[in-house]
Amino acid sequence: MLRRKIDKDLFELYWFYTTQQKRLYNNSNGAASSQLQTLMAYSKKLAEVDHGSAWRNARLQ
């Protein structure tokens, strides 16, 4: 059950990151917004916990 929840959370995070990434860049010098930096840090931590399997599954779909 927990594994399925982690996979679902990771997939949603992966989808959000790939589809909304450009919208989160908000200043002229190209630096990532704090919202995007937080998202990237959170996604990295989740991937470490799950050993990246949900990322691979998301890419295959």
N, C-alpha and C. Protein backbone atom coordinates (compact mmCIF):
# COMPACT_ATOMS: atom_id res chain seq x y z
N MET A 1 0.84 -1.21 0.00
CA MET A 1 0.00 0.00 0.00
C MET A 1 0.87 1.26 0.00
N LEU A 2 1.86 1.28 0.89
CA LEU A 2 2.77 2.43 0.93
C LEU A 2 3.55 2.54 -0.37
N ARG A 3 3.98 1.38 -0.89
CA ARG A 3 4.73 1.37 -2.15
C ARG A 3 3.88 1.98 -3.28
N ARG A 4 2.61 1.61 -3.34
CA ARG A 4 1.72 2.14 -4.37
C ARG A 4 1.53 3.64 -4.20
N LYS A 5 1.42 4.10 -2.96
CA LYS A 5 1.26 5.53 -2.71
C LYS A 5 2.51 6.29 -3.14
N ILE A 6 3.70 5.75 -2.83
CA ILE A 6 4.94 6.41 -3.24
C ILE A 6 5.01 6.48 -4.76
N ASP A 7 4.68 5.37 -5.44
CA ASP A 7 4.70 5.36 -6.90
C ASP A 7 3.73 6.39 -7.46
N LYS A 8 2.54 6.48 -6.87
CA LYS A 8 1.54 7.44 -7.34
C LYS A 8 2.02 8.87 -7.12
N ASP A 9 2.57 9.14 -5.94
CA ASP A 9 3.09 10.47 -5.64
C ASP A 9 4.22 10.85 -6.58
N LEU A 10 5.11 9.90 -6.84
CA LEU A 10 6.24 10.16 -7.73
C LEU A 10 5.77 10.41 -9.15
N PHE A 11 4.79 9.63 -9.60
CA PHE A 11 4.30 9.83 -10.95
C PHE A 11 3.66 11.21 -11.10
N GLU A 12 2.86 11.60 -10.11
CA GLU A 12 2.23 12.93 -10.16
C GLU A 12 3.28 14.03 -10.13
N LEU A 13 4.30 13.84 -9.31
CA LEU A 13 5.39 14.82 -9.23
C LEU A 13 6.14 14.89 -10.56
N TYR A 14 6.41 13.72 -11.14
CA TYR A 14 7.11 13.67 -12.44
C TYR A 14 6.29 14.37 -13.51
N TRP A 15 4.97 14.09 -13.55
CA TRP A 15 4.10 14.73 -14.53
C TRP A 15 4.09 16.25 -14.32
N PHE A 16 3.93 16.67 -13.08
CA PHE A 16 3.90 18.10 -12.80
C PHE A 16 5.20 18.77 -13.20
N TYR A 17 6.31 18.13 -12.84
CA TYR A 17 7.62 18.71 -13.14
C TYR A 17 7.83 18.85 -14.64
N THR A 18 7.46 17.83 -15.42
CA THR A 18 7.71 17.87 -16.86
C THR A 18 6.74 18.79 -17.59
N THR A 19 5.51 18.94 -17.10
CA THR A 19 4.54 19.77 -17.82
C THR A 19 4.51 21.22 -17.35
N GLN A 20 4.89 21.45 -16.10
CA GLN A 20 4.77 22.79 -15.54
C GLN A 20 6.12 23.48 -15.35
N GLN A 21 7.20 22.81 -15.71
CA GLN A 21 8.53 23.33 -15.42
C GLN A 21 8.74 24.73 -15.99
N LYS A 22 8.38 24.94 -17.24
CA LYS A 22 8.61 26.24 -17.87
C LYS A 22 7.84 27.36 -17.17
N ARG A 23 6.64 27.04 -16.71
CA ARG A 23 5.81 28.04 -16.06
C ARG A 23 6.42 28.51 -14.74
N LEU A 24 7.24 27.64 -14.13
CA LEU A 24 7.80 27.97 -12.83
C LEU A 24 9.06 28.84 -12.92
N TYR A 25 9.57 29.02 -14.12
CA TYR A 25 10.69 29.95 -14.30
C TYR A 25 10.11 31.35 -14.39
N ASN A 26 10.55 32.23 -13.51
CA ASN A 26 9.82 33.49 -13.41
C ASN A 26 10.67 34.74 -13.52
N ASN A 27 11.99 34.60 -13.74
CA ASN A 27 12.75 35.84 -13.88
C ASN A 27 13.67 35.80 -15.09
N SER A 28 14.14 36.95 -15.49
CA SER A 28 14.79 37.11 -16.79
C SER A 28 16.16 36.44 -16.88
N ASN A 29 16.83 36.21 -15.76
CA ASN A 29 18.16 35.61 -15.85
C ASN A 29 18.13 34.09 -15.89
N GLY A 30 16.94 33.50 -15.91
CA GLY A 30 16.82 32.06 -16.07
C GLY A 30 16.99 31.25 -14.80
N ALA A 31 17.14 31.91 -13.67
CA ALA A 31 17.26 31.17 -12.41
C ALA A 31 15.91 30.54 -12.07
N ALA A 32 15.97 29.36 -11.51
CA ALA A 32 14.74 28.68 -11.14
C ALA A 32 14.06 29.40 -9.98
N SER A 33 12.75 29.44 -10.02
CA SER A 33 12.01 30.02 -8.91
C SER A 33 12.17 29.15 -7.67
N SER A 34 11.90 29.70 -6.52
CA SER A 34 12.03 28.93 -5.28
C SER A 34 11.05 27.76 -5.28
N GLN A 35 9.90 27.94 -5.94
CA GLN A 35 8.91 26.87 -6.04
C GLN A 35 9.50 25.67 -6.80
N LEU A 36 10.19 25.95 -7.90
CA LEU A 36 10.80 24.88 -8.69
C LEU A 36 11.95 24.22 -7.92
N GLN A 37 12.75 25.03 -7.23
CA GLN A 37 13.86 24.47 -6.46
C GLN A 37 13.35 23.53 -5.37
N THR A 38 12.26 23.92 -4.72
CA THR A 38 11.65 23.07 -3.70
C THR A 38 11.16 21.77 -4.32
N LEU A 39 10.50 21.87 -5.46
CA LEU A 39 9.99 20.70 -6.16
C LEU A 39 11.11 19.75 -6.54
N MET A 40 12.21 20.30 -7.04
CA MET A 40 13.34 19.47 -7.45
C MET A 40 13.96 18.75 -6.25
N ALA A 41 14.09 19.46 -5.13
CA ALA A 41 14.65 18.85 -3.92
C ALA A 41 13.74 17.73 -3.41
N TYR A 42 12.44 17.98 -3.42
CA TYR A 42 11.47 16.99 -2.95
C TYR A 42 11.47 15.77 -3.85
N SER A 43 11.52 15.99 -5.16
CA SER A 43 11.50 14.87 -6.10
C SER A 43 12.76 14.03 -5.97
N LYS A 44 13.89 14.68 -5.73
CA LYS A 44 15.15 13.94 -5.55
C LYS A 44 15.07 13.07 -4.31
N LYS A 45 14.53 13.61 -3.23
CA LYS A 45 14.41 12.85 -1.99
C LYS A 45 13.47 11.66 -2.17
N LEU A 46 12.35 11.87 -2.84
CA LEU A 46 11.42 10.77 -3.08
C LEU A 46 12.06 9.69 -3.94
N ALA A 47 12.81 10.09 -4.95
CA ALA A 47 13.47 9.13 -5.83
C ALA A 47 14.49 8.30 -5.05
N GLU A 48 15.19 8.92 -4.10
CA GLU A 48 16.15 8.18 -3.28
C GLU A 48 15.43 7.16 -2.40
N VAL A 49 14.30 7.55 -1.86
CA VAL A 49 13.53 6.64 -1.01
C VAL A 49 13.05 5.44 -1.82
N ASP A 50 12.60 5.70 -3.04
CA ASP A 50 11.99 4.66 -3.86
C ASP A 50 12.99 4.04 -4.84
N HIS A 51 14.24 4.42 -4.78
CA HIS A 51 15.28 3.91 -5.67
C HIS A 51 14.96 4.14 -7.14
N GLY A 52 14.12 5.11 -7.41
CA GLY A 52 13.91 5.54 -8.79
C GLY A 52 12.97 4.69 -9.62
N SER A 53 12.38 3.63 -9.07
CA SER A 53 11.56 2.74 -9.91
C SER A 53 10.34 3.45 -10.47
N ALA A 54 9.75 4.34 -9.68
CA ALA A 54 8.56 5.04 -10.17
C ALA A 54 8.92 6.00 -11.30
N TRP A 55 10.13 6.56 -11.26
CA TRP A 55 10.56 7.43 -12.37
C TRP A 55 10.63 6.63 -13.66
N ARG A 56 11.20 5.42 -13.59
CA ARG A 56 11.30 4.58 -14.80
C ARG A 56 9.91 4.20 -15.29
N ASN A 57 9.03 3.84 -14.37
CA ASN A 57 7.67 3.46 -14.75
C ASN A 57 6.96 4.63 -15.41
N ALA A 58 7.15 5.83 -14.88
CA ALA A 58 6.49 7.01 -15.44
C ALA A 58 6.97 7.26 -16.87
N ARG A 59 8.25 7.05 -17.12
CA ARG A 59 8.79 7.28 -18.45
C ARG A 59 8.27 6.26 -19.45
N LEU A 60 7.97 5.06 -18.98
CA LEU A 60 7.52 4.00 -19.89
C LEU A 60 6.08 4.18 -20.32
N GLN A 61 5.31 4.91 -19.54
CA GLN A 61 3.88 5.05 -19.86
C GLN A 61 3.65 6.05 -20.96
